[in-house]
Amino acid sequence: MGTPKTRMDIMIRLPILFAGFFILGIGIVANLYAYLGTSPWGVFHVGLTNIAPLTLGQATQIVGLIIIISSWLLGFSPGFGTFANMITIGFFIDIIISWNIVPIQSQTSLQILQLLLSIIILGAGVFLYLKAQLGAGPRDGLMVALTARFNRPVSHIRVPMDITISILGYLLGGPLGMGTVITALTLGYSIQFFFRIGGFDSTSKQLSLTDVYQIIKKKKIDKK
């Protein structure tokens, strides 16, 4: 697919970016409605609210901002997709919940099945929006930055990252469940699987906001 080089490339990839976000929204709701435990980062965010005067939304935003800065220091500059991720996925989650398209499970076997399905959906969503190469979300950006820095497969970075954040969240009083553990141990492999079958290199360049500005600026200069 290659890195976007023109304004038209960017416009063509916007639907891919937002389709990936929508799929992620479905995966997040499916994971939640399995009722086997919140996600690794969810455990951490809840844990932060136990030790600081923050709402869950504020904790999520502050953590996202800190991760963006950390990724930037590792050489991964934020892009349009970074900030669109922070804003759009929450919007899609609300829509998906209001549409009632994801079932709420109470039977153990169906809970486990939906949990595993949600992990597959999440892996597909991460792959699709990153393939647009318009910028990674805060947590995925950290994953990509560490993958490039240590030259390791995605699973070797994401799994330890999710396990670590789950433990930290639990120590802060966050709700750790069976679903949390399963998600932490398998999501990295799900993402790596879709990267492999989709022929996507996790170290492929993601356009930063500066890159997008330069592409648009060049187009305007060419028109003069």
C-alpha atoms as a PDB file:
ATOM      1  CA  MET A   1       0.000   0.000   0.000  1.00  0.00           C
ATOM      2  CA  GLY A   2       2.888   2.322   0.749  1.00  0.00           C
ATOM      3  CA  THR A   3       3.047   5.486   2.804  1.00  0.00           C
ATOM      4  CA  PRO A   4       0.610   8.219   1.659  1.00  0.00           C
ATOM      5  CA  LYS A   5       2.415  10.779  -0.471  1.00  0.00           C
ATOM      6  CA  THR A   6      -0.364  12.989  -1.855  1.00  0.00           C
ATOM      7  CA  ARG A   7      -3.515  14.647  -0.595  1.00  0.00           C
ATOM      8  CA  MET A   8      -5.521  12.121  -2.630  1.00  0.00           C
ATOM      9  CA  ASP A   9      -3.716   9.249  -0.868  1.00  0.00           C
ATOM     10  CA  ILE A  10      -4.782  10.719   2.455  1.00  0.00           C
ATOM     11  CA  MET A  11      -8.411  11.144   1.369  1.00  0.00           C
ATOM     12  CA  ILE A  12      -8.567   7.562   0.079  1.00  0.00           C
ATOM     13  CA  ARG A  13      -7.279   6.204   3.390  1.00  0.00           C
ATOM     14  CA  LEU A  14      -9.597   8.146   5.665  1.00  0.00           C
ATOM     15  CA  PRO A  15     -12.458   5.616   5.193  1.00  0.00           C
ATOM     16  CA  ILE A  16     -10.005   2.797   6.061  1.00  0.00           C
ATOM     17  CA  LEU A  17      -8.941   4.648   9.208  1.00  0.00           C
ATOM     18  CA  PHE A  18     -12.505   5.193  10.424  1.00  0.00           C
ATOM     19  CA  ALA A  19     -13.610   1.694   9.447  1.00  0.00           C
ATOM     20  CA  GLY A  20     -10.817   0.407  11.680  1.00  0.00           C
ATOM     21  CA  PHE A  21     -12.052   2.626  14.514  1.00  0.00           C
ATOM     22  CA  PHE A  22     -15.608   1.326  14.104  1.00  0.00           C
ATOM     23  CA  ILE A  23     -14.400  -2.282  14.204  1.00  0.00           C
ATOM     24  CA  LEU A  24     -12.402  -1.449  17.333  1.00  0.00           C
ATOM     25  CA  GLY A  25     -15.581  -0.032  18.853  1.00  0.00           C
ATOM     26  CA  ILE A  26     -17.390  -3.314  18.190  1.00  0.00           C
ATOM     27  CA  GLY A  27     -14.496  -5.263  19.722  1.00  0.00           C
ATOM     28  CA  ILE A  28     -14.421  -3.074  22.830  1.00  0.00           C
ATOM     29  CA  VAL A  29     -18.182  -3.414  23.406  1.00  0.00           C
ATOM     30  CA  ALA A  30     -18.055  -7.176  22.749  1.00  0.00           C
ATOM     31  CA  ASN A  31     -15.212  -7.469  25.258  1.00  0.00           C
ATOM     32  CA  LEU A  32     -17.165  -5.429  27.804  1.00  0.00           C
ATOM     33  CA  TYR A  33     -20.423  -7.357  27.297  1.00  0.00           C
ATOM     34  CA  ALA A  34     -18.679 -10.692  27.834  1.00  0.00           C
ATOM     35  CA  TYR A  35     -18.601  -9.624  31.503  1.00  0.00           C
ATOM     36  CA  LEU A  36     -15.446 -11.557  32.341  1.00  0.00           C
ATOM     37  CA  GLY A  37     -13.335  -8.580  33.345  1.00  0.00           C
ATOM     38  CA  THR A  38     -12.402  -5.235  31.869  1.00  0.00           C
ATOM     39  CA  SER A  39      -9.491  -4.711  29.461  1.00  0.00           C
ATOM     40  CA  PRO A  40      -5.891  -4.320  30.745  1.00  0.00           C
ATOM     41  CA  TRP A  41      -5.902  -0.566  30.217  1.00  0.00           C
ATOM     42  CA  GLY A  42      -9.395  -0.373  31.721  1.00  0.00           C
ATOM     43  CA  VAL A  43      -8.070  -1.968  34.923  1.00  0.00           C
ATOM     44  CA  PHE A  44      -5.311   0.629  35.044  1.00  0.00           C
ATOM     45  CA  HIS A  45      -7.655   3.566  34.431  1.00  0.00           C
ATOM     46  CA  VAL A  46     -10.035   2.414  37.165  1.00  0.00           C
ATOM     47  CA  GLY A  47      -7.048   1.907  39.476  1.00  0.00           C
ATOM     48  CA  LEU A  48      -5.954   5.509  38.926  1.00  0.00           C
ATOM     49  CA  THR A  49      -9.371   6.777  39.983  1.00  0.00           C
ATOM     50  CA  ASN A  50      -8.814   4.990  43.314  1.00  0.00           C
ATOM     51  CA  ILE A  51      -5.707   7.007  44.148  1.00  0.00           C
ATOM     52  CA  ALA A  52      -6.430  10.337  42.440  1.00  0.00           C
ATOM     53  CA  PRO A  53      -9.472  12.653  42.296  1.00  0.00           C
ATOM     54  CA  LEU A  54     -10.190  11.771  38.670  1.00  0.00           C
ATOM     55  CA  THR A  55     -13.203  10.490  36.770  1.00  0.00           C
ATOM     56  CA  LEU A  56     -12.668   7.441  34.572  1.00  0.00           C
ATOM     57  CA  GLY A  57     -12.802   9.640  31.479  1.00  0.00           C
ATOM     58  CA  GLN A  58     -10.232  12.044  32.917  1.00  0.00           C
ATOM     59  CA  ALA A  59      -7.932   9.157  33.851  1.00  0.00           C
ATOM     60  CA  THR A  60      -8.204   7.796  30.298  1.00  0.00           C
ATOM     61  CA  GLN A  61      -7.407  11.196  28.781  1.00  0.00           C
ATOM     62  CA  ILE A  62      -4.452  11.894  31.075  1.00  0.00           C
ATOM     63  CA  VAL A  63      -2.952   8.441  30.460  1.00  0.00           C
ATOM     64  CA  GLY A  64      -3.442   8.911  26.708  1.00  0.00           C
ATOM     65  CA  LEU A  65      -1.628  12.258  26.826  1.00  0.00           C
ATOM     66  CA  ILE A  66       1.267  10.828  28.845  1.00  0.00           C
ATOM     67  CA  ILE A  67       1.607   7.929  26.395  1.00  0.00           C
ATOM     68  CA  ILE A  68       1.595  10.305  23.409  1.00  0.00           C
ATOM     69  CA  ILE A  69       4.459  12.279  24.978  1.00  0.00           C
ATOM     70  CA  SER A  70       6.359   9.064  25.830  1.00  0.00           C
ATOM     71  CA  SER A  71       5.940   7.733  22.282  1.00  0.00           C
ATOM     72  CA  TRP A  72       7.081  11.077  20.896  1.00  0.00           C
ATOM     73  CA  LEU A  73      10.269  10.832  22.990  1.00  0.00           C
ATOM     74  CA  LEU A  74      10.797   7.354  21.496  1.00  0.00           C
ATOM     75  CA  GLY A  75      10.640   8.873  18.027  1.00  0.00           C
ATOM     76  CA  PHE A  76       6.970   8.183  17.186  1.00  0.00           C
ATOM     77  CA  SER A  77       5.313  11.507  16.364  1.00  0.00           C
ATOM     78  CA  PRO A  78       1.509  11.755  16.741  1.00  0.00           C
ATOM     79  CA  GLY A  79      -0.578  11.935  13.606  1.00  0.00           C
ATOM     80  CA  PHE A  80      -4.146  12.696  12.629  1.00  0.00           C
ATOM     81  CA  GLY A  81      -5.103   9.127  13.523  1.00  0.00           C
ATOM     82  CA  THR A  82      -3.664   9.577  17.038  1.00  0.00           C
ATOM     83  CA  PHE A  83      -6.146  12.274  17.977  1.00  0.00           C
ATOM     84  CA  ALA A  84      -8.974  10.869  15.838  1.00  0.00           C
ATOM     85  CA  ASN A  85      -8.538   7.616  17.782  1.00  0.00           C
ATOM     86  CA  MET A  86      -8.985   9.400  21.108  1.00  0.00           C
ATOM     87  CA  ILE A  87     -12.157  11.178  19.963  1.00  0.00           C
ATOM     88  CA  THR A  88     -13.854   8.870  17.453  1.00  0.00           C
ATOM     89  CA  ILE A  89     -13.739   5.449  19.134  1.00  0.00           C
ATOM     90  CA  GLY A  90     -15.705   6.706  22.131  1.00  0.00           C
ATOM     91  CA  PHE A  91     -18.324   8.105  19.742  1.00  0.00           C
ATOM     92  CA  PHE A  92     -18.557   4.774  17.900  1.00  0.00           C
ATOM     93  CA  ILE A  93     -18.829   2.865  21.189  1.00  0.00           C
ATOM     94  CA  ASP A  94     -21.865   4.962  22.149  1.00  0.00           C
ATOM     95  CA  ILE A  95     -23.472   4.317  18.749  1.00  0.00           C
ATOM     96  CA  ILE A  96     -22.815   0.561  18.892  1.00  0.00           C
ATOM     97  CA  ILE A  97     -24.307   0.338  22.381  1.00  0.00           C
ATOM     98  CA  SER A  98     -27.377   2.348  21.344  1.00  0.00           C
ATOM     99  CA  TRP A  99     -27.916   0.104  18.312  1.00  0.00           C
ATOM    100  CA  ASN A 100     -27.885  -3.036  20.502  1.00  0.00           C
ATOM    101  CA  ILE A 101     -25.911  -4.934  17.859  1.00  0.00           C
ATOM    102  CA  VAL A 102     -23.662  -6.675  20.398  1.00  0.00           C
ATOM    103  CA  PRO A 103     -25.338  -9.181  22.752  1.00  0.00           C
ATOM    104  CA  ILE A 104     -24.872  -9.108  26.512  1.00  0.00           C
ATOM    105  CA  GLN A 105     -23.801 -12.569  27.649  1.00  0.00           C
ATOM    106  CA  SER A 106     -24.597 -14.258  30.959  1.00  0.00           C
ATOM    107  CA  GLN A 107     -23.970 -17.936  30.156  1.00  0.00           C
ATOM    108  CA  THR A 108     -20.353 -18.886  30.848  1.00  0.00           C
ATOM    109  CA  SER A 109     -19.699 -20.709  27.567  1.00  0.00           C
ATOM    110  CA  LEU A 110     -21.109 -17.801  25.528  1.00  0.00           C
ATOM    111  CA  GLN A 111     -19.183 -15.303  27.644  1.00  0.00           C
ATOM    112  CA  ILE A 112     -15.911 -17.061  26.866  1.00  0.00           C
ATOM    113  CA  LEU A 113     -16.819 -17.359  23.164  1.00  0.00           C
ATOM    114  CA  GLN A 114     -17.669 -13.660  22.936  1.00  0.00           C
ATOM    115  CA  LEU A 115     -14.494 -12.713  24.790  1.00  0.00           C
ATOM    116  CA  LEU A 116     -12.346 -14.670  22.322  1.00  0.00           C
ATOM    117  CA  LEU A 117     -14.291 -13.238  19.385  1.00  0.00           C
ATOM    118  CA  SER A 118     -13.775  -9.716  20.747  1.00  0.00           C
ATOM    119  CA  ILE A 119     -10.012 -10.270  20.828  1.00  0.00           C
ATOM    120  CA  ILE A 120     -10.072 -11.301  17.164  1.00  0.00           C
ATOM    121  CA  ILE A 121     -12.180  -8.243  16.290  1.00  0.00           C
ATOM    122  CA  LEU A 122      -9.829  -5.948  18.219  1.00  0.00           C
ATOM    123  CA  GLY A 123      -6.826  -7.373  16.366  1.00  0.00           C
ATOM    124  CA  ALA A 124      -8.560  -6.773  13.019  1.00  0.00           C
ATOM    125  CA  GLY A 125      -9.487  -3.220  13.997  1.00  0.00           C
ATOM    126  CA  VAL A 126      -5.951  -2.307  15.068  1.00  0.00           C
ATOM    127  CA  PHE A 127      -4.541  -3.752  11.845  1.00  0.00           C
ATOM    128  CA  LEU A 128      -7.043  -1.929   9.611  1.00  0.00           C
ATOM    129  CA  TYR A 129      -6.615   1.547  11.046  1.00  0.00           C
ATOM    130  CA  LEU A 130      -2.826   1.258  11.322  1.00  0.00           C
ATOM    131  CA  LYS A 131      -2.677   0.081   7.704  1.00  0.00           C
ATOM    132  CA  ALA A 132      -4.067   3.490   6.705  1.00  0.00           C
ATOM    133  CA  GLN A 133      -0.758   4.894   8.070  1.00  0.00           C
ATOM    134  CA  LEU A 134      -2.341   8.155   9.206  1.00  0.00           C
ATOM    135  CA  GLY A 135      -1.140   7.856  12.794  1.00  0.00           C
ATOM    136  CA  ALA A 136      -1.528   5.375  15.642  1.00  0.00           C
ATOM    137  CA  GLY A 137      -3.645   5.880  18.749  1.00  0.00           C
ATOM    138  CA  PRO A 138      -1.805   6.588  22.017  1.00  0.00           C
ATOM    139  CA  ARG A 139      -1.521   2.974  23.254  1.00  0.00           C
ATOM    140  CA  ASP A 140      -0.967   1.445  19.821  1.00  0.00           C
ATOM    141  CA  GLY A 141       1.553   4.190  19.073  1.00  0.00           C
ATOM    142  CA  LEU A 142       3.547   3.136  22.128  1.00  0.00           C
ATOM    143  CA  MET A 143       3.363  -0.478  20.918  1.00  0.00           C
ATOM    144  CA  VAL A 144       4.618   0.493  17.450  1.00  0.00           C
ATOM    145  CA  ALA A 145       7.357   2.722  18.873  1.00  0.00           C
ATOM    146  CA  LEU A 146       8.646  -0.049  21.147  1.00  0.00           C
ATOM    147  CA  THR A 147       8.401  -2.601  18.325  1.00  0.00           C
ATOM    148  CA  ALA A 148      10.579  -0.399  16.124  1.00  0.00           C
ATOM    149  CA  ARG A 149      12.976   0.480  18.950  1.00  0.00           C
ATOM    150  CA  PHE A 150      13.655  -3.136  19.968  1.00  0.00           C
ATOM    151  CA  ASN A 151      13.063  -4.723  16.537  1.00  0.00           C
ATOM    152  CA  ARG A 152      10.770  -7.382  17.987  1.00  0.00           C
ATOM    153  CA  PRO A 153       7.479  -8.921  16.798  1.00  0.00           C
ATOM    154  CA  VAL A 154       4.333  -7.119  17.905  1.00  0.00           C
ATOM    155  CA  SER A 155       3.329  -9.954  20.257  1.00  0.00           C
ATOM    156  CA  HIS A 156       6.690  -9.720  22.075  1.00  0.00           C
ATOM    157  CA  ILE A 157       5.916  -6.077  22.873  1.00  0.00           C
ATOM    158  CA  ARG A 158       2.127  -5.945  23.285  1.00  0.00           C
ATOM    159  CA  VAL A 159       1.714  -8.981  25.547  1.00  0.00           C
ATOM    160  CA  PRO A 160       4.283  -7.841  28.189  1.00  0.00           C
ATOM    161  CA  MET A 161       2.903  -4.301  27.904  1.00  0.00           C
ATOM    162  CA  ASP A 162      -0.681  -5.447  28.587  1.00  0.00           C
ATOM    163  CA  ILE A 163       0.398  -7.790  31.395  1.00  0.00           C
ATOM    164  CA  THR A 164       2.406  -5.015  33.060  1.00  0.00           C
ATOM    165  CA  ILE A 165      -0.413  -2.488  32.852  1.00  0.00           C
ATOM    166  CA  SER A 166      -2.890  -5.084  34.184  1.00  0.00           C
ATOM    167  CA  ILE A 167      -0.684  -5.764  37.213  1.00  0.00           C
ATOM    168  CA  LEU A 168      -0.171  -2.063  37.878  1.00  0.00           C
ATOM    169  CA  GLY A 169      -3.913  -1.470  37.626  1.00  0.00           C
ATOM    170  CA  TYR A 170      -4.635  -4.347  39.994  1.00  0.00           C
ATOM    171  CA  LEU A 171      -2.106  -3.038  42.535  1.00  0.00           C
ATOM    172  CA  LEU A 172      -3.915   0.303  42.361  1.00  0.00           C
ATOM    173  CA  GLY A 173      -7.203  -1.430  43.137  1.00  0.00           C
ATOM    174  CA  GLY A 174      -8.507  -1.924  39.590  1.00  0.00           C
ATOM    175  CA  PRO A 175     -10.921  -4.807  38.810  1.00  0.00           C
ATOM    176  CA  LEU A 176      -8.864  -7.697  37.437  1.00  0.00           C
ATOM    177  CA  GLY A 177     -10.892 -10.578  35.947  1.00  0.00           C
ATOM    178  CA  MET A 178     -10.396 -13.725  33.885  1.00  0.00           C
ATOM    179  CA  GLY A 179     -11.207 -11.750  30.760  1.00  0.00           C
ATOM    180  CA  THR A 180      -8.496  -9.225  31.618  1.00  0.00           C
ATOM    181  CA  VAL A 181      -5.880 -11.967  31.856  1.00  0.00           C
ATOM    182  CA  ILE A 182      -6.996 -13.682  28.636  1.00  0.00           C
ATOM    183  CA  THR A 183      -7.038 -10.360  26.751  1.00  0.00           C
ATOM    184  CA  ALA A 184      -3.589  -9.415  28.056  1.00  0.00           C
ATOM    185  CA  LEU A 185      -2.111 -12.775  27.013  1.00  0.00           C
ATOM    186  CA  THR A 186      -3.679 -12.994  23.549  1.00  0.00           C
ATOM    187  CA  LEU A 187      -4.404  -9.551  22.055  1.00  0.00           C
ATOM    188  CA  GLY A 188      -0.806  -9.061  20.929  1.00  0.00           C
ATOM    189  CA  TYR A 189      -0.923 -12.353  19.018  1.00  0.00           C
ATOM    190  CA  SER A 190      -4.245 -11.392  17.431  1.00  0.00           C
ATOM    191  CA  ILE A 191      -2.774  -8.108  16.190  1.00  0.00           C
ATOM    192  CA  GLN A 192       0.360  -9.885  14.928  1.00  0.00           C
ATOM    193  CA  PHE A 193      -1.788 -12.466  13.095  1.00  0.00           C
ATOM    194  CA  PHE A 194      -3.659  -9.784  11.155  1.00  0.00           C
ATOM    195  CA  PHE A 195      -0.436  -7.903  10.424  1.00  0.00           C
ATOM    196  CA  ARG A 196       0.981 -11.104   8.951  1.00  0.00           C
ATOM    197  CA  ILE A 197      -1.988 -12.093   6.768  1.00  0.00           C
ATOM    198  CA  GLY A 198      -2.455  -8.463   5.704  1.00  0.00           C
ATOM    199  CA  GLY A 199       1.203  -8.100   4.781  1.00  0.00           C
ATOM    200  CA  PHE A 200       1.659  -5.095   7.062  1.00  0.00           C
ATOM    201  CA  ASP A 201       5.025  -4.213   8.592  1.00  0.00           C
ATOM    202  CA  SER A 202       4.507  -2.883  12.125  1.00  0.00           C
ATOM    203  CA  THR A 203       7.505  -0.591  11.644  1.00  0.00           C
ATOM    204  CA  SER A 204       5.984   1.043   8.540  1.00  0.00           C
ATOM    205  CA  LYS A 205       5.982   4.828   8.743  1.00  0.00           C
ATOM    206  CA  GLN A 206       2.856   6.451  10.147  1.00  0.00           C
ATOM    207  CA  LEU A 207       2.244   9.984   8.913  1.00  0.00           C
ATOM    208  CA  SER A 208       2.714  12.610  11.602  1.00  0.00           C
ATOM    209  CA  LEU A 209       0.737  15.854  11.678  1.00  0.00           C
ATOM    210  CA  THR A 210       3.822  17.573  10.257  1.00  0.00           C
ATOM    211  CA  ASP A 211       3.938  15.080   7.365  1.00  0.00           C
ATOM    212  CA  VAL A 212       0.271  15.716   6.558  1.00  0.00           C
ATOM    213  CA  TYR A 213       0.823  19.470   6.646  1.00  0.00           C
ATOM    214  CA  GLN A 214       3.813  19.183   4.288  1.00  0.00           C
ATOM    215  CA  ILE A 215       1.802  17.050   1.823  1.00  0.00           C
ATOM    216  CA  ILE A 216      -1.079  19.535   1.791  1.00  0.00           C
ATOM    217  CA  LYS A 217       1.311  22.485   1.599  1.00  0.00           C
ATOM    218  CA  LYS A 218       3.154  20.925  -1.355  1.00  0.00           C
ATOM    219  CA  LYS A 219      -0.142  20.455  -3.184  1.00  0.00           C
ATOM    220  CA  LYS A 220      -0.967  24.136  -2.710  1.00  0.00           C
ATOM    221  CA  ILE A 221       2.485  25.190  -3.878  1.00  0.00           C
ATOM    222  CA  ASP A 222       2.157  23.010  -6.981  1.00  0.00           C
ATOM    223  CA  LYS A 223      -1.115  24.737  -7.863  1.00  0.00           C
ATOM    224  CA  LYS A 224       0.486  28.188  -7.869  1.00  0.00           C
END
